[in-house]
C-alpha atoms as a PDB file:
ATOM      1  CA  MET A   1       0.000   0.000   0.000  1.00  0.00           C
ATOM      2  CA  ALA A   2       2.772   2.494   0.865  1.00  0.00           C
ATOM      3  CA  GLU A   3       4.647   1.642  -2.344  1.00  0.00           C
ATOM      4  CA  ASP A   4       1.815   2.929  -4.545  1.00  0.00           C
ATOM      5  CA  ASN A   5       2.351   6.585  -3.691  1.00  0.00           C
ATOM      6  CA  PRO A   6       5.348   7.100  -1.401  1.00  0.00           C
ATOM      7  CA  GLY A   7       5.764  10.324   0.477  1.00  0.00           C
ATOM      8  CA  THR A   8       2.117  11.130   1.059  1.00  0.00           C
ATOM      9  CA  ALA A   9       0.221  10.895   4.306  1.00  0.00           C
ATOM     10  CA  ARG A  10      -2.738   9.261   2.581  1.00  0.00           C
ATOM     11  CA  SER A  11      -0.687   6.255   1.505  1.00  0.00           C
ATOM     12  CA  ILE A  12      -0.178   5.116   5.102  1.00  0.00           C
ATOM     13  CA  LEU A  13      -3.820   5.460   6.131  1.00  0.00           C
ATOM     14  CA  SER A  14      -6.434   2.822   5.623  1.00  0.00           C
ATOM     15  CA  PRO A  15      -9.581   3.887   3.742  1.00  0.00           C
ATOM     16  CA  ARG A  16     -11.520   3.925   7.026  1.00  0.00           C
ATOM     17  CA  GLU A  17      -8.971   6.170   8.754  1.00  0.00           C
ATOM     18  CA  ASP A  18      -8.957   8.485   5.744  1.00  0.00           C
ATOM     19  CA  GLU A  19     -12.755   8.721   5.851  1.00  0.00           C
ATOM     20  CA  LEU A  20     -12.698   9.511   9.585  1.00  0.00           C
ATOM     21  CA  ARG A  21     -10.106  12.234   9.024  1.00  0.00           C
ATOM     22  CA  GLU A  22     -12.253  13.772   6.285  1.00  0.00           C
ATOM     23  CA  LYS A  23     -15.335  13.777   8.535  1.00  0.00           C
ATOM     24  CA  ARG A  24     -13.384  15.393  11.375  1.00  0.00           C
ATOM     25  CA  THR A  25     -12.081  18.083   9.033  1.00  0.00           C
ATOM     26  CA  LYS A  26     -15.586  18.881   7.755  1.00  0.00           C
ATOM     27  CA  ASN A  27     -16.948  18.987  11.301  1.00  0.00           C
ATOM     28  CA  MET A  28     -14.090  21.241  12.365  1.00  0.00           C
ATOM     29  CA  PHE A  29     -14.908  23.832   9.677  1.00  0.00           C
ATOM     30  CA  LEU A  30     -18.611  23.778  10.490  1.00  0.00           C
ATOM     31  CA  ILE A  31     -17.945  24.171  14.224  1.00  0.00           C
ATOM     32  CA  LEU A  32     -15.455  26.966  13.544  1.00  0.00           C
ATOM     33  CA  ALA A  33     -17.958  28.800  11.339  1.00  0.00           C
ATOM     34  CA  LEU A  34     -20.710  28.386  13.934  1.00  0.00           C
ATOM     35  CA  VAL A  35     -18.491  29.690  16.748  1.00  0.00           C
ATOM     36  CA  LEU A  36     -17.401  32.678  14.674  1.00  0.00           C
ATOM     37  CA  VAL A  37     -20.991  33.559  13.759  1.00  0.00           C
ATOM     38  CA  LEU A  38     -22.095  33.247  17.393  1.00  0.00           C
ATOM     39  CA  LEU A  39     -19.201  35.445  18.521  1.00  0.00           C
ATOM     40  CA  TRP A  40     -20.145  37.994  15.878  1.00  0.00           C
ATOM     41  CA  ILE A  41     -23.795  38.067  16.944  1.00  0.00           C
ATOM     42  CA  GLY A  42     -22.867  38.266  20.630  1.00  0.00           C
ATOM     43  CA  GLY A  43     -20.302  40.957  19.986  1.00  0.00           C
ATOM     44  CA  PHE A  44     -22.656  42.968  17.826  1.00  0.00           C
ATOM     45  CA  MET A  45     -25.251  42.992  20.603  1.00  0.00           C
ATOM     46  CA  MET A  46     -22.851  43.616  23.507  1.00  0.00           C
ATOM     47  CA  PHE A  47     -19.950  45.639  22.118  1.00  0.00           C
ATOM     48  CA  HIS A  48     -21.219  47.944  19.415  1.00  0.00           C
ATOM     49  CA  VAL A  49     -18.042  50.015  19.728  1.00  0.00           C
ATOM     50  CA  ALA A  50     -15.756  47.282  18.357  1.00  0.00           C
ATOM     51  CA  GLY A  51     -17.590  47.089  15.036  1.00  0.00           C
ATOM     52  CA  PHE A  52     -14.518  46.501  12.894  1.00  0.00           C
ATOM     53  CA  LEU A  53     -13.353  43.421  14.801  1.00  0.00           C
ATOM     54  CA  ILE A  54     -16.853  41.997  14.982  1.00  0.00           C
ATOM     55  CA  HIS A  55     -17.342  42.308  11.248  1.00  0.00           C
ATOM     56  CA  LEU A  56     -13.935  40.743  10.727  1.00  0.00           C
ATOM     57  CA  LEU A  57     -15.210  37.702  12.652  1.00  0.00           C
ATOM     58  CA  LEU A  58     -18.232  37.566  10.362  1.00  0.00           C
ATOM     59  CA  ILE A  59     -16.027  37.653   7.285  1.00  0.00           C
ATOM     60  CA  LEU A  60     -13.894  34.814   8.675  1.00  0.00           C
ATOM     61  CA  ALA A  61     -17.024  32.757   9.375  1.00  0.00           C
ATOM     62  CA  VAL A  62     -18.356  33.271   5.850  1.00  0.00           C
ATOM     63  CA  VAL A  63     -14.982  32.416   4.300  1.00  0.00           C
ATOM     64  CA  SER A  64     -14.837  29.267   6.428  1.00  0.00           C
ATOM     65  CA  ILE A  65     -18.303  28.166   5.277  1.00  0.00           C
ATOM     66  CA  ILE A  66     -17.482  28.897   1.625  1.00  0.00           C
ATOM     67  CA  PHE A  67     -14.215  26.964   1.914  1.00  0.00           C
ATOM     68  CA  HIS A  68     -16.092  24.033   3.453  1.00  0.00           C
ATOM     69  CA  PHE A  69     -18.591  23.823   0.595  1.00  0.00           C
ATOM     70  CA  LEU A  70     -16.068  24.463  -2.186  1.00  0.00           C
ATOM     71  CA  ARG A  71     -13.766  21.789  -0.877  1.00  0.00           C
ATOM     72  CA  GLY A  72     -16.565  19.242  -1.103  1.00  0.00           C
ATOM     73  CA  ARG A  73     -15.871  15.563  -0.799  1.00  0.00           C
ATOM     74  CA  SER A  74     -12.283  14.775  -1.708  1.00  0.00           C
ATOM     75  CA  ALA A  75     -11.557  11.441  -3.352  1.00  0.00           C
END
């Protein structure tokens, strides 16, 4: 199995381990986006003065969601 494509991390993982890693990565991006959106909403309601930083969090959350959907399911 490792001889097929030496030098890559995927060549040492079984298909099941690779699938678990992919699921964890997708979950990580969704959780990150959710946390960033919640922080933005909370910050917008509590700290109206720090508008720039709050909107920066929103932009990061949107970029994270877009990245998650564009990445899709990798083979």
